[in-house]
Amino acid sequence: MATAKDIIETDIPAVLKEKPELAKDINAVINFDIGGDGGGKWTLDATKSEGWVTEGLHDAPKMVVTVSNDDFVKIREKKLNAQMAAMQGKLKFKPMDMGLAMKLAKLLG
């Protein structure tokens, strides 16, 4: 079974290499705070042209995404709708920037 670590450290950079326009579209620093087994803390810096993902949290992100590893994997595998997860409080964005969240959904979807 995939983990948040696999998705963030392997899948996301692969998608950004294939579609660099997604990074340009997001153009922000986003922290991922993933709870539970397989979770961890990562920073996605979509303001750069490569080396987007680093372990640990950035000091001044534009947004922080908080979710459990299980729910994050389910969202990535399309077994859980991200909008439903957000409405149920399983997926949290701080601050809630709908435009940025939608751009992030394109990257994860």
Protein backbone atom coordinates (compact mmCIF):
# COMPACT_ATOMS: atom_id res chain seq x y z
CA MET A 1 0.00 0.00 0.00
CA ALA A 2 1.23 3.48 -0.86
CA THR A 3 1.98 5.98 1.89
CA ALA A 4 1.97 9.76 2.01
CA LYS A 5 5.79 9.57 1.84
CA ASP A 6 5.59 7.69 -1.51
CA ILE A 7 3.06 10.16 -2.90
CA ILE A 8 4.85 13.32 -1.76
CA GLU A 9 8.45 12.25 -2.40
CA THR A 10 7.93 10.20 -5.58
CA ASP A 11 4.55 10.84 -7.26
CA ILE A 12 4.39 14.63 -6.90
CA PRO A 13 7.92 15.28 -8.30
CA ALA A 14 7.18 12.87 -11.18
CA VAL A 15 3.96 14.74 -12.03
CA LEU A 16 5.74 18.11 -11.83
CA LYS A 17 8.53 16.88 -14.12
CA GLU A 18 5.90 15.75 -16.63
CA LYS A 19 3.77 18.89 -16.26
CA PRO A 20 5.97 21.82 -15.10
CA GLU A 21 3.08 24.18 -15.83
CA LEU A 22 1.36 22.84 -12.67
CA ALA A 23 4.20 24.18 -10.50
CA LYS A 24 3.97 27.56 -12.28
CA ASP A 25 0.21 27.56 -11.71
CA ILE A 26 0.52 26.77 -7.97
CA ASN A 27 3.53 29.09 -7.51
CA ALA A 28 3.48 28.81 -3.69
CA VAL A 29 5.14 27.10 -0.75
CA ILE A 30 2.82 24.50 0.82
CA ASN A 31 3.44 22.48 3.97
CA PHE A 32 2.02 18.97 4.30
CA ASP A 33 1.45 17.77 7.86
CA ILE A 34 0.41 14.12 7.48
CA GLY A 35 -0.59 12.19 10.61
CA GLY A 36 -0.56 8.49 11.44
CA ASP A 37 1.62 5.59 10.24
CA GLY A 38 3.42 6.50 7.02
CA GLY A 39 2.86 10.18 7.68
CA GLY A 40 5.35 12.96 8.24
CA LYS A 41 6.02 16.61 7.45
CA TRP A 42 7.07 17.90 4.03
CA THR A 43 7.31 21.15 2.13
CA LEU A 44 6.29 21.53 -1.51
CA ASP A 45 7.98 24.59 -3.00
CA ALA A 46 6.28 25.17 -6.34
CA THR A 47 8.11 28.48 -6.81
CA LYS A 48 11.22 26.54 -7.93
CA SER A 49 11.89 24.86 -11.28
CA GLU A 50 13.07 21.59 -9.64
CA GLY A 51 13.76 20.05 -6.21
CA TRP A 52 10.18 20.84 -5.21
CA VAL A 53 9.82 18.51 -2.22
CA THR A 54 11.84 18.59 1.00
CA GLU A 55 11.33 16.87 4.31
CA GLY A 56 10.29 19.11 7.18
CA LEU A 57 8.14 22.23 7.34
CA HIS A 58 8.90 25.63 5.78
CA ASP A 59 8.84 28.66 8.11
CA ALA A 60 6.44 30.76 6.03
CA PRO A 61 4.20 28.61 3.83
CA LYS A 62 1.31 30.08 1.87
CA MET A 63 -0.81 27.13 3.04
CA VAL A 64 -0.63 24.16 5.42
CA VAL A 65 -2.44 20.95 4.46
CA THR A 66 -3.31 18.66 7.38
CA VAL A 67 -4.67 15.15 6.80
CA SER A 68 -4.11 11.57 7.98
CA ASN A 69 -1.90 9.25 5.93
CA ASP A 70 -4.85 6.91 5.27
CA ASP A 71 -7.11 9.70 4.00
CA PHE A 72 -4.32 11.26 1.92
CA VAL A 73 -3.69 7.90 0.21
CA LYS A 74 -7.45 7.40 -0.35
CA ILE A 75 -7.70 10.87 -1.94
CA ARG A 76 -4.74 10.11 -4.22
CA GLU A 77 -6.27 6.73 -5.20
CA LYS A 78 -9.63 8.44 -5.83
CA LYS A 79 -11.31 6.35 -3.10
CA LEU A 80 -12.12 9.53 -1.14
CA ASN A 81 -13.33 12.78 -2.68
CA ALA A 82 -11.12 15.67 -1.51
CA GLN A 83 -14.07 18.08 -1.26
CA MET A 84 -16.03 15.60 0.87
CA ALA A 85 -12.94 15.00 3.04
CA ALA A 86 -12.59 18.76 3.56
CA MET A 87 -16.29 19.14 4.45
CA GLN A 88 -15.99 16.25 6.93
CA GLY A 89 -12.94 17.86 8.55
CA LYS A 90 -10.60 15.04 7.45
CA LEU A 91 -8.67 17.37 5.14
CA LYS A 92 -7.78 20.84 6.42
CA PHE A 93 -6.25 23.85 4.71
CA LYS A 94 -4.86 26.81 6.67
CA PRO A 95 -5.55 29.44 5.60
CA MET A 96 -8.46 28.25 3.47
CA ASP A 97 -7.49 29.50 0.02
CA MET A 98 -9.99 27.86 -2.33
CA GLY A 99 -8.09 28.87 -5.48
CA LEU A 100 -4.83 27.38 -4.22
CA ALA A 101 -6.62 24.26 -2.95
CA MET A 102 -8.13 23.70 -6.42
CA LYS A 103 -4.69 24.06 -8.07
CA LEU A 104 -3.30 21.56 -5.58
CA ALA A 105 -6.15 19.16 -6.43
CA LYS A 106 -4.98 19.18 -10.07
CA LEU A 107 -1.52 18.09 -8.92
CA LEU A 108 -2.81 15.32 -6.63
CA GLY A 109 -5.65 14.17 -8.91
